[in-house]
Structures are given as structure tokens and as C-alpha cells.
C-alpha atoms as a PDB file:
ATOM      1  CA  MET A   1     -14.763  -1.602   7.912  1.00  0.00           C
ATOM      2  CA  ASN A   2     -12.941   0.378   5.253  1.00  0.00           C
ATOM      3  CA  LEU A   3     -11.060  -0.133   2.043  1.00  0.00           C
ATOM      4  CA  GLU A   4      -7.771   1.309   0.803  1.00  0.00           C
ATOM      5  CA  ILE A   5      -6.935   1.154  -2.904  1.00  0.00           C
ATOM      6  CA  CYS A   6      -3.398   1.160  -4.267  1.00  0.00           C
ATOM      7  CA  ILE A   7      -3.065   3.598  -7.182  1.00  0.00           C
ATOM      8  CA  ASP A   8      -0.463   5.079  -9.499  1.00  0.00           C
ATOM      9  CA  SER A   9      -2.436   7.701 -11.439  1.00  0.00           C
ATOM     10  CA  VAL A  10      -4.983  10.486 -11.108  1.00  0.00           C
ATOM     11  CA  GLU A  11      -7.502   8.455 -13.106  1.00  0.00           C
ATOM     12  CA  SER A  12      -7.166   5.524 -10.719  1.00  0.00           C
ATOM     13  CA  ALA A  13      -7.523   7.815  -7.714  1.00  0.00           C
ATOM     14  CA  MET A  14     -10.786   9.179  -9.065  1.00  0.00           C
ATOM     15  CA  ALA A  15     -12.074   5.674  -9.871  1.00  0.00           C
ATOM     16  CA  ALA A  16     -11.273   4.570  -6.324  1.00  0.00           C
ATOM     17  CA  GLU A  17     -13.199   7.494  -4.865  1.00  0.00           C
ATOM     18  CA  ARG A  18     -16.199   6.945  -7.130  1.00  0.00           C
ATOM     19  CA  GLY A  19     -16.213   3.277  -6.149  1.00  0.00           C
ATOM     20  CA  GLY A  20     -16.480   4.141  -2.464  1.00  0.00           C
ATOM     21  CA  ALA A  21     -12.935   3.578  -1.160  1.00  0.00           C
ATOM     22  CA  GLU A  22     -12.012   5.156   2.153  1.00  0.00           C
ATOM     23  CA  ARG A  23      -8.542   6.194   1.001  1.00  0.00           C
ATOM     24  CA  VAL A  24      -5.834   5.574  -1.585  1.00  0.00           C
ATOM     25  CA  GLU A  25      -2.187   4.635  -1.344  1.00  0.00           C
ATOM     26  CA  LEU A  26      -0.344   6.563  -4.048  1.00  0.00           C
ATOM     27  CA  CYS A  27       2.763   4.996  -5.582  1.00  0.00           C
ATOM     28  CA  SER A  28       4.731   5.025  -8.777  1.00  0.00           C
ATOM     29  CA  ASP A  29       6.226   1.989 -10.546  1.00  0.00           C
ATOM     30  CA  LEU A  30       3.898  -0.690  -9.229  1.00  0.00           C
ATOM     31  CA  ILE A  31       5.903  -3.276 -11.214  1.00  0.00           C
ATOM     32  CA  GLU A  32       8.576  -2.730  -8.527  1.00  0.00           C
ATOM     33  CA  GLY A  33       5.973  -2.960  -5.780  1.00  0.00           C
ATOM     34  CA  GLY A  34       5.635   0.819  -5.591  1.00  0.00           C
ATOM     35  CA  ILE A  35       8.097   3.670  -5.078  1.00  0.00           C
ATOM     36  CA  THR A  36       7.699   7.320  -4.123  1.00  0.00           C
ATOM     37  CA  PRO A  37       5.485   9.214  -6.602  1.00  0.00           C
ATOM     38  CA  SER A  38       6.528  12.566  -8.043  1.00  0.00           C
ATOM     39  CA  ALA A  39       5.539  15.843  -6.432  1.00  0.00           C
ATOM     40  CA  GLY A  40       3.432  16.671  -9.479  1.00  0.00           C
ATOM     41  CA  LEU A  41       1.493  13.425  -9.220  1.00  0.00           C
ATOM     42  CA  ILE A  42       0.869  13.882  -5.483  1.00  0.00           C
ATOM     43  CA  ALA A  43      -0.386  17.427  -6.021  1.00  0.00           C
ATOM     44  CA  SER A  44      -2.631  16.445  -8.920  1.00  0.00           C
ATOM     45  CA  VAL A  45      -4.182  13.499  -7.086  1.00  0.00           C
ATOM     46  CA  ARG A  46      -4.781  15.700  -4.046  1.00  0.00           C
ATOM     47  CA  SER A  47      -6.586  18.272  -6.166  1.00  0.00           C
ATOM     48  CA  HIS A  48      -8.889  15.674  -7.732  1.00  0.00           C
ATOM     49  CA  ILE A  49     -10.025  13.596  -4.742  1.00  0.00           C
ATOM     50  CA  SER A  50     -11.347  14.339  -1.278  1.00  0.00           C
ATOM     51  CA  ILE A  51     -10.841  10.892   0.306  1.00  0.00           C
ATOM     52  CA  GLY A  52      -7.744   9.999   2.303  1.00  0.00           C
ATOM     53  CA  LEU A  53      -4.413  10.163   0.470  1.00  0.00           C
ATOM     54  CA  PHE A  54      -1.489   8.111   1.778  1.00  0.00           C
ATOM     55  CA  VAL A  55       1.819   8.489  -0.072  1.00  0.00           C
ATOM     56  CA  MET A  56       4.432   5.781  -0.491  1.00  0.00           C
ATOM     57  CA  ILE A  57       7.912   6.749   0.681  1.00  0.00           C
ATOM     58  CA  ARG A  58      10.323   4.317  -0.952  1.00  0.00           C
ATOM     59  CA  PRO A  59      13.321   5.755  -2.789  1.00  0.00           C
ATOM     60  CA  ARG A  60      13.911   2.698  -5.009  1.00  0.00           C
ATOM     61  CA  GLY A  61      12.806  -0.830  -5.742  1.00  0.00           C
ATOM     62  CA  GLY A  62      14.570  -3.887  -4.391  1.00  0.00           C
ATOM     63  CA  ASP A  63      15.233  -4.533  -0.707  1.00  0.00           C
ATOM     64  CA  PHE A  64      14.198  -2.365   2.232  1.00  0.00           C
ATOM     65  CA  CYS A  65      17.649  -1.863   3.761  1.00  0.00           C
ATOM     66  CA  TYR A  66      18.501   1.753   3.048  1.00  0.00           C
ATOM     67  CA  SER A  67      21.789   3.670   3.071  1.00  0.00           C
ATOM     68  CA  ASP A  68      22.260   6.918   4.950  1.00  0.00           C
ATOM     69  CA  LEU A  69      21.861   8.851   1.709  1.00  0.00           C
ATOM     70  CA  GLU A  70      18.625   7.021   0.913  1.00  0.00           C
ATOM     71  CA  PHE A  71      17.408   7.775   4.434  1.00  0.00           C
ATOM     72  CA  GLU A  72      18.047  11.469   3.751  1.00  0.00           C
ATOM     73  CA  VAL A  73      15.957  11.193   0.598  1.00  0.00           C
ATOM     74  CA  MET A  74      13.118   9.562   2.548  1.00  0.00           C
ATOM     75  CA  GLN A  75      13.126  12.408   5.075  1.00  0.00           C
ATOM     76  CA  SER A  76      12.936  14.968   2.288  1.00  0.00           C
ATOM     77  CA  GLU A  77      10.147  13.069   0.528  1.00  0.00           C
ATOM     78  CA  ILE A  78       8.074  12.930   3.719  1.00  0.00           C
ATOM     79  CA  LYS A  79       8.326  16.705   4.085  1.00  0.00           C
ATOM     80  CA  HIS A  80       7.282  17.216   0.465  1.00  0.00           C
ATOM     81  CA  ALA A  81       4.341  14.809   0.724  1.00  0.00           C
ATOM     82  CA  ARG A  82       3.100  16.555   3.851  1.00  0.00           C
ATOM     83  CA  SER A  83       3.374  19.989   2.229  1.00  0.00           C
ATOM     84  CA  LEU A  84       1.426  18.735  -0.807  1.00  0.00           C
ATOM     85  CA  GLY A  85      -1.585  17.695   1.259  1.00  0.00           C
ATOM     86  CA  ALA A  86      -1.020  14.006   2.009  1.00  0.00           C
ATOM     87  CA  ASP A  87      -3.075  12.586   4.872  1.00  0.00           C
ATOM     88  CA  GLY A  88      -0.590   9.846   5.665  1.00  0.00           C
ATOM     89  CA  ILE A  89       2.692   8.191   4.810  1.00  0.00           C
ATOM     90  CA  VAL A  90       3.505   4.584   3.891  1.00  0.00           C
ATOM     91  CA  LEU A  91       7.015   3.242   4.473  1.00  0.00           C
ATOM     92  CA  GLY A  92       9.055   0.297   5.701  1.00  0.00           C
ATOM     93  CA  LEU A  93      12.689  -0.092   6.738  1.00  0.00           C
ATOM     94  CA  LEU A  94      14.527  -3.343   7.484  1.00  0.00           C
ATOM     95  CA  ASP A  95      18.090  -3.959   8.625  1.00  0.00           C
ATOM     96  CA  GLN A  96      20.638  -6.360   7.143  1.00  0.00           C
ATOM     97  CA  ASP A  97      19.037  -9.254   9.027  1.00  0.00           C
ATOM     98  CA  ALA A  98      15.642  -8.352   7.510  1.00  0.00           C
ATOM     99  CA  CYS A  99      14.315  -7.239  10.909  1.00  0.00           C
ATOM    100  CA  VAL A 100      12.341  -4.017  11.361  1.00  0.00           C
ATOM    101  CA  GLU A 101      14.738  -1.111  11.790  1.00  0.00           C
ATOM    102  CA  VAL A 102      12.998   0.417  14.789  1.00  0.00           C
ATOM    103  CA  VAL A 103      15.151   3.470  15.506  1.00  0.00           C
ATOM    104  CA  ARG A 104      15.227   5.003  12.025  1.00  0.00           C
ATOM    105  CA  THR A 105      11.607   4.068  11.343  1.00  0.00           C
ATOM    106  CA  ARG A 106      10.594   5.835  14.552  1.00  0.00           C
ATOM    107  CA  GLN A 107      12.526   8.918  13.404  1.00  0.00           C
ATOM    108  CA  LEU A 108      10.513   8.981  10.181  1.00  0.00           C
ATOM    109  CA  VAL A 109       7.248   8.450  12.050  1.00  0.00           C
ATOM    110  CA  GLU A 110       8.073  11.427  14.254  1.00  0.00           C
ATOM    111  CA  LEU A 111       9.059  13.516  11.241  1.00  0.00           C
ATOM    112  CA  ALA A 112       5.747  12.748   9.533  1.00  0.00           C
ATOM    113  CA  ARG A 113       3.580  13.886  12.437  1.00  0.00           C
ATOM    114  CA  PRO A 114       0.772  14.866  12.561  1.00  0.00           C
ATOM    115  CA  LEU A 115       0.291  12.535   9.597  1.00  0.00           C
ATOM    116  CA  ALA A 116      -0.423   8.874  10.296  1.00  0.00           C
ATOM    117  CA  VAL A 117       2.179   6.338   9.165  1.00  0.00           C
ATOM    118  CA  ALA A 118       1.527   2.858   7.796  1.00  0.00           C
ATOM    119  CA  PHE A 119       4.287   0.242   7.714  1.00  0.00           C
ATOM    120  CA  HIS A 120       4.010  -1.600   4.407  1.00  0.00           C
ATOM    121  CA  ARG A 121       4.565  -5.209   3.363  1.00  0.00           C
ATOM    122  CA  ALA A 122       8.265  -5.058   4.135  1.00  0.00           C
ATOM    123  CA  ILE A 123       7.038  -6.800   7.296  1.00  0.00           C
ATOM    124  CA  ASP A 124       6.280  -9.863   5.166  1.00  0.00           C
ATOM    125  CA  MET A 125       9.990 -10.171   4.388  1.00  0.00           C
ATOM    126  CA  THR A 126      11.001 -10.468   8.051  1.00  0.00           C
ATOM    127  CA  PRO A 127      12.041 -13.794   9.629  1.00  0.00           C
ATOM    128  CA  TYR A 128       9.390 -13.877  12.392  1.00  0.00           C
ATOM    129  CA  LEU A 129       6.154 -11.943  12.040  1.00  0.00           C
ATOM    130  CA  PRO A 130       5.075 -11.768  15.712  1.00  0.00           C
ATOM    131  CA  ALA A 131       8.375 -10.128  16.685  1.00  0.00           C
ATOM    132  CA  ALA A 132       8.232  -7.844  13.662  1.00  0.00           C
ATOM    133  CA  LEU A 133       4.736  -6.714  14.647  1.00  0.00           C
ATOM    134  CA  GLU A 134       5.978  -5.703  18.103  1.00  0.00           C
ATOM    135  CA  ASP A 135       8.830  -3.783  16.481  1.00  0.00           C
ATOM    136  CA  VAL A 136       6.436  -1.936  14.176  1.00  0.00           C
ATOM    137  CA  ILE A 137       4.252  -1.033  17.154  1.00  0.00           C
ATOM    138  CA  ALA A 138       7.369   0.320  18.897  1.00  0.00           C
ATOM    139  CA  THR A 139       8.000   2.702  15.983  1.00  0.00           C
ATOM    140  CA  GLY A 140       4.725   4.515  16.601  1.00  0.00           C
ATOM    141  CA  ALA A 141       3.196   3.544  13.253  1.00  0.00           C
ATOM    142  CA  SER A 142      -0.597   3.395  13.336  1.00  0.00           C
ATOM    143  CA  ARG A 143      -1.155   0.691  10.723  1.00  0.00           C
ATOM    144  CA  VAL A 144       0.645  -2.279   9.202  1.00  0.00           C
ATOM    145  CA  LEU A 145      -0.067  -3.795   5.788  1.00  0.00           C
ATOM    146  CA  THR A 146       0.556  -7.530   5.530  1.00  0.00           C
ATOM    147  CA  SER A 147      -0.226 -10.694   3.612  1.00  0.00           C
ATOM    148  CA  GLY A 148       0.720 -12.691   6.684  1.00  0.00           C
ATOM    149  CA  GLY A 149       4.174 -13.416   5.290  1.00  0.00           C
ATOM    150  CA  ALA A 150       2.586 -15.398   2.450  1.00  0.00           C
ATOM    151  CA  PRO A 151       2.343 -14.717  -1.305  1.00  0.00           C
ATOM    152  CA  ASN A 152      -1.181 -13.355  -0.791  1.00  0.00           C
ATOM    153  CA  ALA A 153      -3.579 -12.587   2.025  1.00  0.00           C
ATOM    154  CA  ILE A 154      -5.698 -15.697   1.499  1.00  0.00           C
ATOM    155  CA  SER A 155      -2.657 -17.957   1.840  1.00  0.00           C
ATOM    156  CA  GLY A 156      -1.594 -15.984   4.925  1.00  0.00           C
ATOM    157  CA  MET A 157      -5.073 -15.818   6.467  1.00  0.00           C
ATOM    158  CA  ARG A 158      -4.171 -17.795   9.595  1.00  0.00           C
ATOM    159  CA  GLN A 159      -1.095 -15.693  10.265  1.00  0.00           C
ATOM    160  CA  ILE A 160      -3.034 -12.462   9.721  1.00  0.00           C
ATOM    161  CA  ALA A 161      -5.657 -13.597  12.219  1.00  0.00           C
ATOM    162  CA  GLN A 162      -2.903 -14.195  14.762  1.00  0.00           C
ATOM    163  CA  LEU A 163      -1.401 -10.772  14.115  1.00  0.00           C
ATOM    164  CA  VAL A 164      -4.801  -9.127  14.615  1.00  0.00           C
ATOM    165  CA  LYS A 165      -5.109 -10.986  17.911  1.00  0.00           C
ATOM    166  CA  ASN A 166      -1.581 -10.082  18.989  1.00  0.00           C
ATOM    167  CA  ALA A 167      -2.086  -6.425  18.073  1.00  0.00           C
ATOM    168  CA  ASN A 168      -5.072  -6.253  20.429  1.00  0.00           C
ATOM    169  CA  GLY A 169      -6.027  -2.799  19.202  1.00  0.00           C
ATOM    170  CA  ARG A 170      -2.541  -1.299  19.605  1.00  0.00           C
ATOM    171  CA  ILE A 171      -2.148  -0.997  15.830  1.00  0.00           C
ATOM    172  CA  ALA A 172      -4.427  -1.634  12.857  1.00  0.00           C
ATOM    173  CA  VAL A 173      -3.517  -4.797  10.939  1.00  0.00           C
ATOM    174  CA  MET A 174      -4.576  -4.373   7.318  1.00  0.00           C
ATOM    175  CA  PRO A 175      -4.553  -7.442   5.034  1.00  0.00           C
ATOM    176  CA  GLY A 176      -3.354  -6.882   1.491  1.00  0.00           C
ATOM    177  CA  GLY A 177      -2.270  -8.960  -1.474  1.00  0.00           C
ATOM    178  CA  GLY A 178      -4.641 -10.659  -3.871  1.00  0.00           C
ATOM    179  CA  ILE A 179      -7.839  -9.353  -2.262  1.00  0.00           C
ATOM    180  CA  THR A 180     -10.868  -9.504  -4.559  1.00  0.00           C
ATOM    181  CA  PRO A 181     -14.636  -8.979  -4.253  1.00  0.00           C
ATOM    182  CA  GLU A 182     -14.954 -12.776  -4.146  1.00  0.00           C
ATOM    183  CA  ASN A 183     -12.667 -13.357  -1.152  1.00  0.00           C
ATOM    184  CA  ILE A 184     -12.762 -10.184   0.939  1.00  0.00           C
ATOM    185  CA  ALA A 185     -15.746 -11.238   3.079  1.00  0.00           C
ATOM    186  CA  SER A 186     -14.264 -14.610   3.995  1.00  0.00           C
ATOM    187  CA  LEU A 187     -10.951 -12.913   4.758  1.00  0.00           C
ATOM    188  CA  ALA A 188     -12.667 -10.428   7.057  1.00  0.00           C
ATOM    189  CA  GLU A 189     -14.548 -13.164   8.900  1.00  0.00           C
ATOM    190  CA  ALA A 190     -11.489 -15.375   9.291  1.00  0.00           C
ATOM    191  CA  THR A 191      -9.058 -12.687  10.451  1.00  0.00           C
ATOM    192  CA  GLY A 192     -11.117 -10.151  12.377  1.00  0.00           C
ATOM    193  CA  ALA A 193      -9.487  -7.364  10.377  1.00  0.00           C
ATOM    194  CA  THR A 194     -11.493  -4.213   9.697  1.00  0.00           C
ATOM    195  CA  GLU A 195      -9.271  -2.515   7.104  1.00  0.00           C
ATOM    196  CA  PHE A 196      -8.340  -3.965   3.718  1.00  0.00           C
ATOM    197  CA  HIS A 197      -5.955  -3.072   0.897  1.00  0.00           C
ATOM    198  CA  SER A 198      -6.508  -3.916  -2.759  1.00  0.00           C
ATOM    199  CA  SER A 199      -5.233  -2.789  -6.143  1.00  0.00           C
ATOM    200  CA  ALA A 200      -8.564  -3.485  -7.912  1.00  0.00           C
ATOM    201  CA  ARG A 201      -6.704  -3.065 -11.174  1.00  0.00           C
ATOM    202  CA  THR A 202      -7.696  -3.990 -14.694  1.00  0.00           C
ATOM    203  CA  ALA A 203      -5.371  -4.248 -17.688  1.00  0.00           C
ATOM    204  CA  PHE A 204      -6.324  -2.635 -20.959  1.00  0.00           C
ATOM    205  CA  PRO A 205      -4.445  -2.187 -24.242  1.00  0.00           C
ATOM    206  CA  SER A 206      -2.628   0.959 -25.210  1.00  0.00           C
ATOM    207  CA  PRO A 207      -4.494   3.141 -27.749  1.00  0.00           C
ATOM    208  CA  VAL A 208      -1.269   3.413 -29.772  1.00  0.00           C
ATOM    209  CA  ARG A 209      -1.923   1.774 -33.153  1.00  0.00           C
ATOM    210  CA  PHE A 210       1.657   1.410 -34.413  1.00  0.00           C
ATOM    211  CA  ARG A 211       3.571  -1.327 -32.589  1.00  0.00           C
ATOM    212  CA  LYS A 212       7.361  -1.237 -32.965  1.00  0.00           C
ATOM    213  CA  GLN A 213       8.649  -4.805 -33.034  1.00  0.00           C
ATOM    214  CA  GLY A 214      11.883  -6.079 -31.515  1.00  0.00           C
ATOM    215  CA  ILE A 215      12.439  -3.210 -29.086  1.00  0.00           C
ATOM    216  CA  ALA A 216      11.434  -2.616 -25.471  1.00  0.00           C
ATOM    217  CA  MET A 217      11.993   0.246 -23.068  1.00  0.00           C
ATOM    218  CA  GLY A 218      12.189  -2.048 -20.019  1.00  0.00           C
ATOM    219  CA  ASP A 219      12.593  -5.656 -18.939  1.00  0.00           C
ATOM    220  CA  VAL A 220       8.933  -6.643 -19.378  1.00  0.00           C
ATOM    221  CA  PRO A 221       8.102  -7.633 -22.987  1.00  0.00           C
ATOM    222  CA  ASP A 222       5.365  -5.557 -24.666  1.00  0.00           C
ATOM    223  CA  ARG A 223       4.874  -3.485 -21.502  1.00  0.00           C
ATOM    224  CA  GLU A 224       4.770  -0.366 -23.711  1.00  0.00           C
ATOM    225  CA  TYR A 225       1.448  -1.535 -25.169  1.00  0.00           C
ATOM    226  CA  GLU A 226      -0.421  -2.381 -21.987  1.00  0.00           C
ATOM    227  CA  ARG A 227      -1.871  -0.118 -19.315  1.00  0.00           C
ATOM    228  CA  PHE A 228      -3.336  -0.757 -15.895  1.00  0.00           C
ATOM    229  CA  SER A 229      -5.946   1.264 -14.070  1.00  0.00           C
ATOM    230  CA  VAL A 230      -8.184   0.874 -11.042  1.00  0.00           C
ATOM    231  CA  SER A 231     -11.605  -0.501 -11.931  1.00  0.00           C
ATOM    232  CA  GLU A 232     -14.391   1.538 -10.366  1.00  0.00           C
ATOM    233  CA  GLU A 233     -16.631  -1.520 -10.639  1.00  0.00           C
ATOM    234  CA  LYS A 234     -14.166  -3.695  -8.726  1.00  0.00           C
ATOM    235  CA  VAL A 235     -13.852  -1.083  -5.986  1.00  0.00           C
ATOM    236  CA  ARG A 236     -17.616  -0.827  -5.724  1.00  0.00           C
ATOM    237  CA  ALA A 237     -17.884  -4.632  -5.533  1.00  0.00           C
ATOM    238  CA  LEU A 238     -15.273  -4.749  -2.748  1.00  0.00           C
ATOM    239  CA  VAL A 239     -17.083  -2.045  -0.789  1.00  0.00           C
ATOM    240  CA  GLY A 240     -20.408  -3.792  -1.356  1.00  0.00           C
ATOM    241  CA  ALA A 241     -19.049  -7.073  -0.001  1.00  0.00           C
ATOM    242  CA  LEU A 242     -17.875  -5.322   3.163  1.00  0.00           C
ATOM    243  CA  GLU A 243     -21.180  -3.511   3.582  1.00  0.00           C
ATOM    244  CA  ARG A 244     -23.117  -6.760   3.285  1.00  0.00           C
ATOM    245  CA  LEU A 245     -20.848  -8.324   5.885  1.00  0.00           C
ATOM    246  CA  ARG A 246     -21.366  -5.364   8.199  1.00  0.00           C
ATOM    247  CA  GLY A 247     -25.126  -5.681   7.815  1.00  0.00           C
ATOM    248  CA  HIS A 248     -25.219  -9.299   8.959  1.00  0.00           C
END
């Protein structure tokens, strides 16, 4: 069993490694669910950790139905991530009916080789998960991240278990969404999954002492005075829960 941690900074990457994570998924703008990180961030994370580094390829927030120009951007970003030392790519494309866009996804999977490709939680936005799983398998992706089409992995536990069964070893099904040290063992036992995805994040206040009132840089109030980072302790607790389960 192994653990992947979602990160958006060098500090979080290092905390994930110290905590015992198998790999990290590097994104920017986690408020949007994660978009492609900058080249500088990819390079810096790669130089500071030795565990697996998977890079999100998502040109914008919002839906997962991309224009031809956005598809060009995704191709370019995959090439850059590979040249900067990424071990894998994370992506997800849907069509106007919210079904997996097999042909263009397969093109990106081929472009990324020899890097592994994970299909992200765009699958949870599809109308019928079993069919979507078969489509993802057809793209050549090696892993799929899912909450079972539910708000979180615990709520989607039954569906995840069915996806693991349907996959039958053809692709790794990795639960993600709301996974904590308190629920990861029960999720593993109930689903049969062997890979797990967690943010393991903790909020902490900005060190900035002066607080400008009545102005915000974005749509989230007071976001300028709050930071989030991966908790090494949470990662270690997640890994410990999996190790205890493995030892039984």
C-alpha cells in the first residue's frame, strides 16, 4: 500500500517526503481543485525531494471540456513537465456530455511516455462510473483517482469497491477526497484499494501583522491572511495507519 499527497509548494513536498509518502501530486491553485504548476515550481520541488513527483496538467479551473487551443497548451505542459524531471502526469478530459474523451486523452498519454499517467477526479463528474472506468482504461492511463462519484471517498466507498473489482488489475483505482488518518484503514478494508490520495493539509495564519480591511485580491474573504501547508504529522499518521493494516 502507498500514499500520494497533493501539494502546491516546495515546503509541502518536503513535509510529504519526511512523513513517508510514496509520491506527491504537484498542483497550483488548489482552491480551483488544482491547475498546472509553473515550471519554476516543478523544478524546485524536483530538486528538493527524491520521492515520486506527478504533475497536474490542467490549463484552467472549471470544467474538463477543453478547446483545441487548451489542448495545445496541455501538450506543451506535458513536454515541459517531463523535461523538468516529473515521474508522472495527472490529467483528465471530458467531452460535452461529460464522458471521458478517449481519443485526445490517449494522445496525451502517448505523448507523456515513458511517464505514467493518472486520470484525475474528472471521472467523478461523468454520468456513469463503470463506463467511464472502461474509457479511462482504453486511454492507456495507469491510474485513476476517484471519490466514487461522491463528495468524498467515504461517501463513495461502495462505488470505489465496485470500481476496484471491475478494474481487476487492469488499472490502479486510487481513492481520494476527505481521506484522514482516522478513516484510511476502514476505506482500505472496504474497497480493496492499495493506493490512496490525501491533501493532509493544515491551515495556519499569515505572519503578516498589518491587515488591510475592506479589500480582497480574490473571491474568498480574508484568503490573503491564511495559508495552507501539508502537515508532516498527518502524513506520518496516514502512513502509520496503512502500515498497521498491512501488518495484520
